[in-house]
Amino acid sequence: MSSYDETTPLAREVADIARRRVALAEQSLPLPRRTRVLTVANQKGGVGKTTTTVNLAAALAQTGAQVLVIDLDPQGNASTALGVEHRSETRSVYDVIINDVPMRDVVQKSPEFDGLWCVPATIHLAGAEIELVSLVAREQRLRSALETYLAEQTFHYVFIDCPPSLGLLTINAFVAAKEVLIPIQCEYYALEGLSQLLNNIKLIERHLNPDLKVSTILLTMYDGRTNLANQVVDEVRQHFPQQVLDTLIPRSVRISEAPSYGQSVISYDNNSPGSLSYREAASEIAIRGEHNRGAR
């Protein structure tokens, strides 16, 4: 019977999930001594950017970290997935960057986990690109508001979810952060537009934020049954050996379903393969951050 179990794909998968659950349960993740601000960006749409933002934030909050998500996408999908109010009349990140409302007056606690908070986005953010053009220090407005808030409130991680374009909102996100996290889907044309994104990040670094660097690349929507997915993984790892996480985020029904319930996959189905993968990615980010700090 045991030899049959060992050669059954389902049994192997169940055993693997059990092993990963135990390994995660036994981990104690280091907390950064200074707030890590990560902008999650990719000019290409549909790469799992918001999904990655929400689930990494939830995974880190689940381990005891204090985590803030800033939803800078007018669609407000991160706000939806974290279960926070973002109807049009709700005070939001729009009021912070356009009307100078303090971030503390806008931030909401997510019902997901104790240490998880969100600055929501509303539909008003769609017009912010035009309104920002005429404002003083238009590229610095998010950073100024965030620095003021972090001086009075302690967070271990801040994740900023960007719109899939390089406008003034995304520039504000790059200026406010020290790290960029790029999700790349394991599909055809995965690297399309990536060189342009990296060039834009270099421009921001040169002219507006000398501390900015691409610290993390996460491969998403992985389907190990296809040669293409494995080719993409190899190609990205060849180009970015230092930045790519070992963890691969699989294509997953559970990951896709969770936002419709106003949840991350971490709280929706904590032990599903998709949840385990995001928890493992979060663990890598925490551990790598500690190693990088020690190396400096």
Foldseek 3Di string as FASTA:
>chain_A
DVVVLVPDPVSVVVVVLVVLVVVLVPDQFDFDPAEAEEEEAALDPDLCRLLLLLLLQLLVVVNPFQEEEEELAQVFLNCLALVHDAEPPQQAVLCCQQVVDAQVVQKDARPRHDRYIYRTHHNVSVCVLVSLVPDPPSLARLLVRVVVVCVPDPGRYYYYRHYSRDTSSVSNSLLNGLEYEYEFELDPCRCPCVVVVVVVSVVCCVPRNVNHDHQAYAYEQADVVDPSSVVSVVVVCVVCVRHYDPFHQHDDPLQVPSSVVSHRSCRVPVSDPNNSSSSVVSSVVRVVVVVVVVVD
